PDB file of N, CA and C in Angstrom:
ATOM      1  N   MET A   1      29.650  -2.942   2.568  1.00  0.00           N
ATOM      2  CA  MET A   1      30.313  -4.150   3.004  1.00  0.00           C
ATOM      3  C   MET A   1      30.699  -5.015   1.803  1.00  0.00           C
ATOM      4  N   LEU A   2      29.774  -5.191   0.866  1.00  0.00           N
ATOM      5  CA  LEU A   2      30.049  -6.052  -0.286  1.00  0.00           C
ATOM      6  C   LEU A   2      30.955  -5.391  -1.319  1.00  0.00           C
ATOM      7  N   ALA A   3      31.306  -4.137  -1.112  1.00  0.00           N
ATOM      8  CA  ALA A   3      32.285  -3.477  -1.977  1.00  0.00           C
ATOM      9  C   ALA A   3      33.684  -4.001  -1.684  1.00  0.00           C
ATOM     10  N   ASP A   4      33.899  -4.425  -0.442  1.00  0.00           N
ATOM     11  CA  ASP A   4      35.236  -4.825  -0.003  1.00  0.00           C
ATOM     12  C   ASP A   4      35.395  -6.307   0.297  1.00  0.00           C
ATOM     13  N   GLN A   5      34.295  -7.015   0.427  1.00  0.00           N
ATOM     14  CA  GLN A   5      34.398  -8.446   0.693  1.00  0.00           C
ATOM     15  C   GLN A   5      33.462  -9.197  -0.234  1.00  0.00           C
ATOM     16  N   ARG A   6      33.838 -10.411  -0.514  1.00  0.00           N
ATOM     17  CA  ARG A   6      33.143 -11.197  -1.527  1.00  0.00           C
ATOM     18  C   ARG A   6      31.774 -11.687  -1.065  1.00  0.00           C
ATOM     19  N   TYR A   7      31.688 -12.120   0.160  1.00  0.00           N
ATOM     20  CA  TYR A   7      30.449 -12.696   0.669  1.00  0.00           C
ATOM     21  C   TYR A   7      30.050 -12.001   1.972  1.00  0.00           C
ATOM     22  N   LEU A   8      28.899 -12.302   2.480  1.00  0.00           N
ATOM     23  CA  LEU A   8      28.383 -11.621   3.668  1.00  0.00           C
ATOM     24  C   LEU A   8      29.281 -11.779   4.886  1.00  0.00           C
ATOM     25  N   ALA A   9      29.871 -12.961   5.063  1.00  0.00           N
ATOM     26  CA  ALA A   9      30.695 -13.210   6.246  1.00  0.00           C
ATOM     27  C   ALA A   9      32.191 -13.159   5.933  1.00  0.00           C
ATOM     28  N   GLY A  10      32.570 -12.618   4.787  1.00  0.00           N
ATOM     29  CA  GLY A  10      33.989 -12.524   4.455  1.00  0.00           C
ATOM     30  C   GLY A  10      34.302 -13.082   3.089  1.00  0.00           C
ATOM     31  N   ASP A  11      35.373 -13.883   3.021  1.00  0.00           N
ATOM     32  CA  ASP A  11      35.823 -14.365   1.715  1.00  0.00           C
ATOM     33  C   ASP A  11      35.368 -15.787   1.391  1.00  0.00           C
ATOM     34  N   ARG A  12      34.493 -16.337   2.219  1.00  0.00           N
ATOM     35  CA  ARG A  12      33.980 -17.693   1.985  1.00  0.00           C
ATOM     36  C   ARG A  12      32.461 -17.702   1.926  1.00  0.00           C
ATOM     37  N   LEU A  13      31.939 -18.493   1.020  1.00  0.00           N
ATOM     38  CA  LEU A  13      30.501 -18.683   0.888  1.00  0.00           C
ATOM     39  C   LEU A  13      29.978 -19.400   2.137  1.00  0.00           C
ATOM     40  N   THR A  14      28.919 -18.873   2.740  1.00  0.00           N
ATOM     41  CA  THR A  14      28.335 -19.492   3.926  1.00  0.00           C
ATOM     42  C   THR A  14      26.831 -19.634   3.735  1.00  0.00           C
ATOM     43  N   LEU A  15      26.193 -20.240   4.713  1.00  0.00           N
ATOM     44  CA  LEU A  15      24.737 -20.383   4.693  1.00  0.00           C
ATOM     45  C   LEU A  15      24.044 -19.017   4.642  1.00  0.00           C
ATOM     46  N   ALA A  16      24.671 -18.005   5.210  1.00  0.00           N
ATOM     47  CA  ALA A  16      24.102 -16.652   5.160  1.00  0.00           C
ATOM     48  C   ALA A  16      23.926 -16.195   3.713  1.00  0.00           C
ATOM     49  N   ASP A  17      24.880 -16.507   2.852  1.00  0.00           N
ATOM     50  CA  ASP A  17      24.793 -16.137   1.441  1.00  0.00           C
ATOM     51  C   ASP A  17      23.684 -16.911   0.737  1.00  0.00           C
ATOM     52  N   VAL A  18      23.555 -18.172   1.063  1.00  0.00           N
ATOM     53  CA  VAL A  18      22.502 -18.996   0.461  1.00  0.00           C
ATOM     54  C   VAL A  18      21.134 -18.442   0.850  1.00  0.00           C
ATOM     55  N   ALA A  19      20.979 -18.085   2.127  1.00  0.00           N
ATOM     56  CA  ALA A  19      19.706 -17.535   2.591  1.00  0.00           C
ATOM     57  C   ALA A  19      19.435 -16.177   1.950  1.00  0.00           C
ATOM     58  N   MET A  20      20.451 -15.346   1.818  1.00  0.00           N
ATOM     59  CA  MET A  20      20.289 -14.031   1.204  1.00  0.00           C
ATOM     60  C   MET A  20      19.944 -14.153  -0.278  1.00  0.00           C
ATOM     61  N   PHE A  21      20.482 -15.158  -0.944  1.00  0.00           N
ATOM     62  CA  PHE A  21      20.234 -15.348  -2.374  1.00  0.00           C
ATOM     63  C   PHE A  21      18.747 -15.398  -2.690  1.00  0.00           C
ATOM     64  N   THR A  22      17.984 -16.164  -1.932  1.00  0.00           N
ATOM     65  CA  THR A  22      16.572 -16.341  -2.270  1.00  0.00           C
ATOM     66  C   THR A  22      15.807 -15.017  -2.214  1.00  0.00           C
ATOM     67  N   THR A  23      16.107 -14.188  -1.241  1.00  0.00           N
ATOM     68  CA  THR A  23      15.443 -12.885  -1.147  1.00  0.00           C
ATOM     69  C   THR A  23      15.885 -11.963  -2.272  1.00  0.00           C
ATOM     70  N   LEU A  24      17.181 -11.883  -2.502  1.00  0.00           N
ATOM     71  CA  LEU A  24      17.682 -10.990  -3.551  1.00  0.00           C
ATOM     72  C   LEU A  24      17.198 -11.418  -4.935  1.00  0.00           C
ATOM     73  N   TYR A  25      17.192 -12.708  -5.194  1.00  0.00           N
ATOM     74  CA  TYR A  25      16.757 -13.228  -6.494  1.00  0.00           C
ATOM     75  C   TYR A  25      15.305 -12.839  -6.791  1.00  0.00           C
ATOM     76  N   ARG A  26      14.468 -12.858  -5.789  1.00  0.00           N
ATOM     77  CA  ARG A  26      13.044 -12.561  -5.975  1.00  0.00           C
ATOM     78  C   ARG A  26      12.728 -11.068  -5.942  1.00  0.00           C
ATOM     79  N   PHE A  27      13.618 -10.268  -5.385  1.00  0.00           N
ATOM     80  CA  PHE A  27      13.275  -8.901  -5.040  1.00  0.00           C
ATOM     81  C   PHE A  27      12.775  -8.055  -6.211  1.00  0.00           C
ATOM     82  N   ASP A  28      13.567  -7.878  -7.248  1.00  0.00           N
ATOM     83  CA  ASP A  28      13.185  -6.960  -8.330  1.00  0.00           C
ATOM     84  C   ASP A  28      11.949  -7.421  -9.083  1.00  0.00           C
ATOM     85  N   GLU A  29      11.799  -8.713  -9.246  1.00  0.00           N
ATOM     86  CA  GLU A  29      10.684  -9.214 -10.050  1.00  0.00           C
ATOM     87  C   GLU A  29       9.404  -9.468  -9.248  1.00  0.00           C
ATOM     88  N   VAL A  30       9.526  -9.560  -7.933  1.00  0.00           N
ATOM     89  CA  VAL A  30       8.322  -9.816  -7.130  1.00  0.00           C
ATOM     90  C   VAL A  30       8.150  -8.763  -6.040  1.00  0.00           C
ATOM     91  N   TYR A  31       9.059  -8.695  -5.093  1.00  0.00           N
ATOM     92  CA  TYR A  31       8.858  -7.844  -3.928  1.00  0.00           C
ATOM     93  C   TYR A  31       8.736  -6.369  -4.304  1.00  0.00           C
ATOM     94  N   HIS A  32       9.537  -5.922  -5.261  1.00  0.00           N
ATOM     95  CA  HIS A  32       9.540  -4.519  -5.671  1.00  0.00           C
ATOM     96  C   HIS A  32       8.147  -4.050  -6.071  1.00  0.00           C
ATOM     97  N   THR A  33       7.458  -4.831  -6.876  1.00  0.00           N
ATOM     98  CA  THR A  33       6.130  -4.455  -7.362  1.00  0.00           C
ATOM     99  C   THR A  33       5.019  -5.017  -6.485  1.00  0.00           C
ATOM    100  N   HIS A  34       5.031  -6.317  -6.297  1.00  0.00           N
ATOM    101  CA  HIS A  34       3.925  -6.999  -5.624  1.00  0.00           C
ATOM    102  C   HIS A  34       3.712  -6.503  -4.195  1.00  0.00           C
ATOM    103  N   PHE A  35       4.805  -6.359  -3.458  1.00  0.00           N
ATOM    104  CA  PHE A  35       4.703  -5.938  -2.067  1.00  0.00           C
ATOM    105  C   PHE A  35       5.030  -4.451  -1.876  1.00  0.00           C
ATOM    106  N   LYS A  36       5.125  -3.734  -2.997  1.00  0.00           N
ATOM    107  CA  LYS A  36       5.341  -2.275  -2.986  1.00  0.00           C
ATOM    108  C   LYS A  36       6.625  -1.858  -2.270  1.00  0.00           C
ATOM    109  N   CYS A  37       7.659  -2.690  -2.389  1.00  0.00           N
ATOM    110  CA  CYS A  37       8.985  -2.346  -1.855  1.00  0.00           C
ATOM    111  C   CYS A  37       9.751  -1.636  -2.970  1.00  0.00           C
ATOM    112  N   ASN A  38       9.212  -0.508  -3.432  1.00  0.00           N
ATOM    113  CA  ASN A  38       9.669   0.024  -4.696  1.00  0.00           C
ATOM    114  C   ASN A  38      10.469   1.315  -4.640  1.00  0.00           C
ATOM    115  N   ALA A  39      11.112   1.600  -3.530  1.00  0.00           N
ATOM    116  CA  ALA A  39      11.983   2.773  -3.492  1.00  0.00           C
ATOM    117  C   ALA A  39      13.180   2.558  -4.410  1.00  0.00           C
ATOM    118  N   LYS A  40      13.779   1.389  -4.340  1.00  0.00           N
ATOM    119  CA  LYS A  40      14.900   1.024  -5.212  1.00  0.00           C
ATOM    120  C   LYS A  40      14.831  -0.465  -5.496  1.00  0.00           C
ATOM    121  N   ARG A  41      15.496  -0.852  -6.568  1.00  0.00           N
ATOM    122  CA  ARG A  41      15.613  -2.262  -6.926  1.00  0.00           C
ATOM    123  C   ARG A  41      17.017  -2.743  -6.584  1.00  0.00           C
ATOM    124  N   ILE A  42      17.228  -4.024  -6.580  1.00  0.00           N
ATOM    125  CA  ILE A  42      18.564  -4.573  -6.332  1.00  0.00           C
ATOM    126  C   ILE A  42      19.525  -4.069  -7.406  1.00  0.00           C
ATOM    127  N   VAL A  43      19.073  -3.978  -8.646  1.00  0.00           N
ATOM    128  CA  VAL A  43      19.957  -3.511  -9.724  1.00  0.00           C
ATOM    129  C   VAL A  43      20.421  -2.075  -9.522  1.00  0.00           C
ATOM    130  N   ASP A  44      19.776  -1.333  -8.618  1.00  0.00           N
ATOM    131  CA  ASP A  44      20.176   0.044  -8.332  1.00  0.00           C
ATOM    132  C   ASP A  44      21.309   0.131  -7.311  1.00  0.00           C
ATOM    133  N   TYR A  45      21.673  -0.978  -6.724  1.00  0.00           N
ATOM    134  CA  TYR A  45      22.765  -1.037  -5.753  1.00  0.00           C
ATOM    135  C   TYR A  45      23.929  -1.795  -6.388  1.00  0.00           C
ATOM    136  N   GLU A  46      24.957  -1.062  -6.777  1.00  0.00           N
ATOM    137  CA  GLU A  46      26.072  -1.643  -7.541  1.00  0.00           C
ATOM    138  C   GLU A  46      26.632  -2.923  -6.929  1.00  0.00           C
ATOM    139  N   HIS A  47      26.971  -2.898  -5.669  1.00  0.00           N
ATOM    140  CA  HIS A  47      27.644  -4.046  -5.049  1.00  0.00           C
ATOM    141  C   HIS A  47      26.683  -5.186  -4.734  1.00  0.00           C
ATOM    142  N   LEU A  48      25.477  -4.856  -4.356  1.00  0.00           N
ATOM    143  CA  LEU A  48      24.464  -5.887  -4.112  1.00  0.00           C
ATOM    144  C   LEU A  48      24.098  -6.591  -5.415  1.00  0.00           C
ATOM    145  N   TRP A  49      23.975  -5.829  -6.493  1.00  0.00           N
ATOM    146  CA  TRP A  49      23.643  -6.403  -7.795  1.00  0.00           C
ATOM    147  C   TRP A  49      24.778  -7.288  -8.304  1.00  0.00           C
ATOM    148  N   GLY A  50      26.022  -6.868  -8.150  1.00  0.00           N
ATOM    149  CA  GLY A  50      27.157  -7.703  -8.544  1.00  0.00           C
ATOM    150  C   GLY A  50      27.221  -8.982  -7.715  1.00  0.00           C
ATOM    151  N   TYR A  51      26.985  -8.842  -6.420  1.00  0.00           N
ATOM    152  CA  TYR A  51      26.969  -9.984  -5.505  1.00  0.00           C
ATOM    153  C   TYR A  51      25.904 -10.993  -5.919  1.00  0.00           C
ATOM    154  N   LEU A  52      24.706 -10.513  -6.204  1.00  0.00           N
ATOM    155  CA  LEU A  52      23.631 -11.412  -6.632  1.00  0.00           C
ATOM    156  C   LEU A  52      24.002 -12.119  -7.934  1.00  0.00           C
ATOM    157  N   ARG A  53      24.550 -11.388  -8.894  1.00  0.00           N
ATOM    158  CA  ARG A  53      24.939 -12.028 -10.160  1.00  0.00           C
ATOM    159  C   ARG A  53      26.027 -13.080  -9.924  1.00  0.00           C
ATOM    160  N   GLU A  54      26.962 -12.782  -9.034  1.00  0.00           N
ATOM    161  CA  GLU A  54      27.995 -13.781  -8.740  1.00  0.00           C
ATOM    162  C   GLU A  54      27.371 -15.040  -8.140  1.00  0.00           C
ATOM    163  N   LEU A  55      26.448 -14.894  -7.206  1.00  0.00           N
ATOM    164  CA  LEU A  55      25.785 -16.068  -6.625  1.00  0.00           C
ATOM    165  C   LEU A  55      25.035 -16.848  -7.698  1.00  0.00           C
ATOM    166  N   CYS A  56      24.341 -16.145  -8.577  1.00  0.00           N
ATOM    167  CA  CYS A  56      23.587 -16.815  -9.650  1.00  0.00           C
ATOM    168  C   CYS A  56      24.497 -17.625 -10.564  1.00  0.00           C
ATOM    169  N   GLN A  57      25.727 -17.178 -10.704  1.00  0.00           N
ATOM    170  CA  GLN A  57      26.651 -17.816 -11.639  1.00  0.00           C
ATOM    171  C   GLN A  57      27.499 -18.914 -11.015  1.00  0.00           C
ATOM    172  N   LEU A  58      27.296 -19.175  -9.726  1.00  0.00           N
ATOM    173  CA  LEU A  58      27.996 -20.302  -9.106  1.00  0.00           C
ATOM    174  C   LEU A  58      27.484 -21.604  -9.721  1.00  0.00           C
ATOM    175  N   PRO A  59      28.355 -22.594  -9.885  1.00  0.00           N
ATOM    176  CA  PRO A  59      27.921 -23.861 -10.475  1.00  0.00           C
ATOM    177  C   PRO A  59      26.721 -24.454  -9.739  1.00  0.00           C
ATOM    178  N   GLY A  60      25.722 -24.847 -10.497  1.00  0.00           N
ATOM    179  CA  GLY A  60      24.536 -25.502  -9.965  1.00  0.00           C
ATOM    180  C   GLY A  60      23.408 -24.558  -9.571  1.00  0.00           C
ATOM    181  N   VAL A  61      23.709 -23.302  -9.351  1.00  0.00           N
ATOM    182  CA  VAL A  61      22.675 -22.370  -8.898  1.00  0.00           C
ATOM    183  C   VAL A  61      21.641 -22.127  -9.996  1.00  0.00           C
ATOM    184  N   ALA A  62      22.081 -21.952 -11.217  1.00  0.00           N
ATOM    185  CA  ALA A  62      21.140 -21.688 -12.325  1.00  0.00           C
ATOM    186  C   ALA A  62      20.081 -22.782 -12.435  1.00  0.00           C
ATOM    187  N   ASP A  63      20.435 -24.006 -12.065  1.00  0.00           N
ATOM    188  CA  ASP A  63      19.474 -25.118 -12.119  1.00  0.00           C
ATOM    189  C   ASP A  63      18.327 -24.934 -11.126  1.00  0.00           C
ATOM    190  N   THR A  64      18.511 -24.060 -10.141  1.00  0.00           N
ATOM    191  CA  THR A  64      17.475 -23.836  -9.127  1.00  0.00           C
ATOM    192  C   THR A  64      16.652 -22.578  -9.402  1.00  0.00           C
ATOM    193  N   MET A  65      17.021 -21.840 -10.424  1.00  0.00           N
ATOM    194  CA  MET A  65      16.398 -20.541 -10.705  1.00  0.00           C
ATOM    195  C   MET A  65      15.234 -20.720 -11.677  1.00  0.00           C
ATOM    196  N   HIS A  66      14.031 -20.596 -11.160  1.00  0.00           N
ATOM    197  CA  HIS A  66      12.820 -20.754 -11.970  1.00  0.00           C
ATOM    198  C   HIS A  66      11.903 -19.561 -11.699  1.00  0.00           C
ATOM    199  N   MET A  67      12.253 -18.422 -12.276  1.00  0.00           N
ATOM    200  CA  MET A  67      11.511 -17.196 -11.989  1.00  0.00           C
ATOM    201  C   MET A  67      10.050 -17.301 -12.389  1.00  0.00           C
ATOM    202  N   ASP A  68       9.738 -18.053 -13.441  1.00  0.00           N
ATOM    203  CA  ASP A  68       8.333 -18.206 -13.818  1.00  0.00           C
ATOM    204  C   ASP A  68       7.539 -18.843 -12.681  1.00  0.00           C
ATOM    205  N   HIS A  69       8.106 -19.812 -12.000  1.00  0.00           N
ATOM    206  CA  HIS A  69       7.431 -20.455 -10.864  1.00  0.00           C
ATOM    207  C   HIS A  69       7.287 -19.474  -9.701  1.00  0.00           C
ATOM    208  N   VAL A  70       8.364 -18.744  -9.427  1.00  0.00           N
ATOM    209  CA  VAL A  70       8.348 -17.777  -8.327  1.00  0.00           C
ATOM    210  C   VAL A  70       7.263 -16.735  -8.561  1.00  0.00           C
ATOM    211  N   LYS A  71       7.259 -16.145  -9.756  1.00  0.00           N
ATOM    212  CA  LYS A  71       6.294 -15.083 -10.048  1.00  0.00           C
ATOM    213  C   LYS A  71       4.863 -15.602 -10.050  1.00  0.00           C
ATOM    214  N   ASN A  72       4.633 -16.753 -10.647  1.00  0.00           N
ATOM    215  CA  ASN A  72       3.284 -17.313 -10.651  1.00  0.00           C
ATOM    216  C   ASN A  72       2.792 -17.579  -9.235  1.00  0.00           C
ATOM    217  N   HIS A  73       3.673 -18.096  -8.387  1.00  0.00           N
ATOM    218  CA  HIS A  73       3.274 -18.356  -7.007  1.00  0.00           C
ATOM    219  C   HIS A  73       2.868 -17.060  -6.303  1.00  0.00           C
ATOM    220  N   TYR A  74       3.771 -16.084  -6.285  1.00  0.00           N
ATOM    221  CA  TYR A  74       3.499 -14.864  -5.541  1.00  0.00           C
ATOM    222  C   TYR A  74       2.310 -14.084  -6.102  1.00  0.00           C
ATOM    223  N   TYR A  75       2.288 -13.870  -7.391  1.00  0.00           N
ATOM    224  CA  TYR A  75       1.254 -13.018  -7.972  1.00  0.00           C
ATOM    225  C   TYR A  75      -0.120 -13.685  -8.022  1.00  0.00           C
ATOM    226  N   ARG A  76      -0.155 -15.003  -7.923  1.00  0.00           N
ATOM    227  CA  ARG A  76      -1.452 -15.687  -7.975  1.00  0.00           C
ATOM    228  C   ARG A  76      -1.928 -16.208  -6.620  1.00  0.00           C
ATOM    229  N   SER A  77      -1.088 -16.141  -5.598  1.00  0.00           N
ATOM    230  CA  SER A  77      -1.488 -16.722  -4.310  1.00  0.00           C
ATOM    231  C   SER A  77      -1.808 -15.688  -3.240  1.00  0.00           C
ATOM    232  N   HIS A  78      -1.848 -14.427  -3.612  1.00  0.00           N
ATOM    233  CA  HIS A  78      -2.181 -13.373  -2.652  1.00  0.00           C
ATOM    234  C   HIS A  78      -3.323 -12.524  -3.203  1.00  0.00           C
ATOM    235  N   PRO A  79      -4.543 -13.044  -3.187  1.00  0.00           N
ATOM    236  CA  PRO A  79      -5.658 -12.303  -3.780  1.00  0.00           C
ATOM    237  C   PRO A  79      -5.943 -10.969  -3.089  1.00  0.00           C
ATOM    238  N   ASP A  80      -5.562 -10.842  -1.834  1.00  0.00           N
ATOM    239  CA  ASP A  80      -5.765  -9.562  -1.152  1.00  0.00           C
ATOM    240  C   ASP A  80      -4.809  -8.486  -1.675  1.00  0.00           C
ATOM    241  N   VAL A  81      -3.672  -8.894  -2.213  1.00  0.00           N
ATOM    242  CA  VAL A  81      -2.688  -7.955  -2.763  1.00  0.00           C
ATOM    243  C   VAL A  81      -2.868  -7.787  -4.269  1.00  0.00           C
ATOM    244  N   ASN A  82      -3.228  -8.875  -4.952  1.00  0.00           N
ATOM    245  CA  ASN A  82      -3.343  -8.884  -6.414  1.00  0.00           C
ATOM    246  C   ASN A  82      -4.625  -9.627  -6.807  1.00  0.00           C
ATOM    247  N   PRO A  83      -5.786  -8.998  -6.619  1.00  0.00           N
ATOM    248  CA  PRO A  83      -7.059  -9.698  -6.821  1.00  0.00           C
ATOM    249  C   PRO A  83      -7.291 -10.217  -8.238  1.00  0.00           C
ATOM    250  N   ASN A  84      -6.665  -9.617  -9.225  1.00  0.00           N
ATOM    251  CA  ASN A  84      -6.834 -10.084 -10.607  1.00  0.00           C
ATOM    252  C   ASN A  84      -5.788 -11.105 -11.027  1.00  0.00           C
ATOM    253  N   ALA A  85      -4.890 -11.444 -10.125  1.00  0.00           N
ATOM    254  CA  ALA A  85      -3.832 -12.435 -10.370  1.00  0.00           C
ATOM    255  C   ALA A  85      -3.023 -12.130 -11.628  1.00  0.00           C
ATOM    256  N   ILE A  86      -2.769 -10.856 -11.867  1.00  0.00           N
ATOM    257  CA  ILE A  86      -1.958 -10.458 -13.019  1.00  0.00           C
ATOM    258  C   ILE A  86      -0.499 -10.697 -12.690  1.00  0.00           C
ATOM    259  N   VAL A  87       0.189 -11.425 -13.583  1.00  0.00           N
ATOM    260  CA  VAL A  87       1.612 -11.723 -13.419  1.00  0.00           C
ATOM    261  C   VAL A  87       2.380 -10.881 -14.432  1.00  0.00           C
ATOM    262  N   PRO A  88       3.188  -9.926 -13.966  1.00  0.00           N
ATOM    263  CA  PRO A  88       3.922  -9.083 -14.904  1.00  0.00           C
ATOM    264  C   PRO A  88       4.968  -9.859 -15.690  1.00  0.00           C
ATOM    265  N   VAL A  89       5.242  -9.399 -16.880  1.00  0.00           N
ATOM    266  CA  VAL A  89       6.229 -10.050 -17.742  1.00  0.00           C
ATOM    267  C   VAL A  89       7.648  -9.698 -17.300  1.00  0.00           C
ATOM    268  N   GLY A  90       7.887  -8.466 -16.927  1.00  0.00           N
ATOM    269  CA  GLY A  90       9.239  -8.009 -16.601  1.00  0.00           C
ATOM    270  C   GLY A  90       9.435  -7.880 -15.117  1.00  0.00           C
ATOM    271  N   PRO A  91      10.566  -7.339 -14.749  1.00  0.00           N
ATOM    272  CA  PRO A  91      11.547  -6.622 -15.536  1.00  0.00           C
ATOM    273  C   PRO A  91      12.615  -7.482 -16.198  1.00  0.00           C
ATOM    274  N   ASP A  92      12.813  -8.722 -15.824  1.00  0.00           N
ATOM    275  CA  ASP A  92      13.749  -9.641 -16.461  1.00  0.00           C
ATOM    276  C   ASP A  92      15.211  -9.193 -16.397  1.00  0.00           C
ATOM    277  N   PRO A  93      15.771  -9.040 -15.191  1.00  0.00           N
ATOM    278  CA  PRO A  93      17.178  -8.646 -15.067  1.00  0.00           C
ATOM    279  C   PRO A  93      18.109  -9.728 -15.604  1.00  0.00           C
ATOM    280  N   ASP A  94      19.280  -9.325 -16.076  1.00  0.00           N
ATOM    281  CA  ASP A  94      20.256 -10.263 -16.628  1.00  0.00           C
ATOM    282  C   ASP A  94      21.163 -10.765 -15.509  1.00  0.00           C
ATOM    283  N   PHE A  95      20.801 -11.894 -14.926  1.00  0.00           N
ATOM    284  CA  PHE A  95      21.563 -12.475 -13.822  1.00  0.00           C
ATOM    285  C   PHE A  95      22.905 -13.054 -14.276  1.00  0.00           C
ATOM    286  N   PHE A  96      23.107 -13.160 -15.578  1.00  0.00           N
ATOM    287  CA  PHE A  96      24.312 -13.804 -16.077  1.00  0.00           C
ATOM    288  C   PHE A  96      25.271 -12.837 -16.767  1.00  0.00           C
ATOM    289  N   ALA A  97      25.007 -11.532 -16.629  1.00  0.00           N
ATOM    290  CA  ALA A  97      25.961 -10.524 -17.088  1.00  0.00           C
ATOM    291  C   ALA A  97      27.192 -10.612 -16.181  1.00  0.00           C
ATOM    292  N   PRO A  98      28.349 -10.188 -16.652  1.00  0.00           N
ATOM    293  CA  PRO A  98      29.542 -10.228 -15.793  1.00  0.00           C
ATOM    294  C   PRO A  98      29.293  -9.514 -14.463  1.00  0.00           C
ATOM    295  N   HIS A  99      29.775 -10.130 -13.382  1.00  0.00           N
ATOM    296  CA  HIS A  99      29.520  -9.578 -12.053  1.00  0.00           C
ATOM    297  C   HIS A  99      30.606  -8.634 -11.572  1.00  0.00           C
ATOM    298  N   GLY A 100      31.795  -8.692 -12.154  1.00  0.00           N
ATOM    299  CA  GLY A 100      32.861  -7.768 -11.814  1.00  0.00           C
ATOM    300  C   GLY A 100      33.435  -7.911 -10.426  1.00  0.00           C
ATOM    301  N   ARG A 101      33.306  -9.079  -9.818  1.00  0.00           N
ATOM    302  CA  ARG A 101      33.761  -9.257  -8.434  1.00  0.00           C
ATOM    303  C   ARG A 101      34.985 -10.166  -8.320  1.00  0.00           C
ATOM    304  N   ASP A 102      35.600 -10.500  -9.440  1.00  0.00           N
ATOM    305  CA  ASP A 102      36.736 -11.424  -9.408  1.00  0.00           C
ATOM    306  C   ASP A 102      37.943 -10.874  -8.658  1.00  0.00           C
ATOM    307  N   GLY A 103      38.061  -9.564  -8.532  1.00  0.00           N
ATOM    308  CA  GLY A 103      39.189  -8.977  -7.826  1.00  0.00           C
ATOM    309  C   GLY A 103      39.075  -9.003  -6.315  1.00  0.00           C
ATOM    310  N   LEU A 104      37.924  -9.384  -5.799  1.00  0.00           N
ATOM    311  CA  LEU A 104      37.743  -9.446  -4.351  1.00  0.00           C
ATOM    312  C   LEU A 104      38.369 -10.723  -3.788  1.00  0.00           C
ATOM    313  N   PRO A 105      38.835 -10.680  -2.533  1.00  0.00           N
ATOM    314  CA  PRO A 105      39.438 -11.879  -1.953  1.00  0.00           C
ATOM    315  C   PRO A 105      38.436 -13.022  -1.828  1.00  0.00           C
ATOM    316  N   GLY A 106      38.962 -14.228  -1.908  1.00  0.00           N
ATOM    317  CA  GLY A 106      38.130 -15.424  -1.755  1.00  0.00           C
ATOM    318  C   GLY A 106      37.489 -15.824  -3.062  1.00  0.00           C
ATOM    319  N   GLY A 107      36.516 -16.669  -2.937  1.00  0.00           N
ATOM    320  CA  GLY A 107      35.815 -17.171  -4.095  1.00  0.00           C
ATOM    321  C   GLY A 107      35.017 -18.390  -3.706  1.00  0.00           C
ATOM    322  N   PRO A 108      34.393 -19.003  -4.692  1.00  0.00           N
ATOM    323  CA  PRO A 108      33.598 -20.182  -4.370  1.00  0.00           C
ATOM    324  C   PRO A 108      34.470 -21.321  -3.843  1.00  0.00           C
ATOM    325  N   PRO A 109      33.898 -22.184  -3.010  1.00  0.00           N
ATOM    326  CA  PRO A 109      34.658 -23.336  -2.535  1.00  0.00           C
ATOM    327  C   PRO A 109      35.203 -24.136  -3.708  1.00  0.00           C
ATOM    328  N   ALA A 110      36.348 -24.753  -3.499  1.00  0.00           N
ATOM    329  CA  ALA A 110      37.013 -25.503  -4.574  1.00  0.00           C
ATOM    330  C   ALA A 110      36.088 -26.539  -5.213  1.00  0.00           C
ATOM    331  N   ASP A 111      35.260 -27.200  -4.427  1.00  0.00           N
ATOM    332  CA  ASP A 111      34.395 -28.223  -4.986  1.00  0.00           C
ATOM    333  C   ASP A 111      33.280 -27.614  -5.862  1.00  0.00           C
ATOM    334  N   LEU A 112      32.982 -26.327  -5.692  1.00  0.00           N
ATOM    335  CA  LEU A 112      32.015 -25.662  -6.576  1.00  0.00           C
ATOM    336  C   LEU A 112      32.685 -25.100  -7.812  1.00  0.00           C
ATOM    337  N   ALA A 113      33.940 -24.707  -7.682  1.00  0.00           N
ATOM    338  CA  ALA A 113      34.634 -24.052  -8.775  1.00  0.00           C
ATOM    339  C   ALA A 113      34.997 -25.020  -9.890  1.00  0.00           C
ATOM    340  N   GLU A 114      35.047 -26.296  -9.609  1.00  0.00           N
ATOM    341  CA  GLU A 114      35.450 -27.284 -10.633  1.00  0.00           C
ATOM    342  C   GLU A 114      34.304 -27.672 -11.511  1.00  0.00           C
TER     343      GLU A 114
END
């Protein structure tokens, strides 16, 4: 779906994309290891990974991205899953590498693009 359209509901950013962002942003660094969702990572899905990078690069989004807080919360607040509270250093994906989605229809709302 994301190979042919820019956002989940088409060519406009919606609340669905905002909700999806939080899960995708946390997935490789927390869910993949901590919750053993480790068959594949988001970076292994070309269009999902590009979509996530595009969301990360929208104006103002980077100000909300605090992976150190996310990882410390998850890895230290579930003693039944991680009894030693070990917080891994990686994998540290590059959320700001080019996303390659500029050719898809639509884009961020005008008030975000400025």
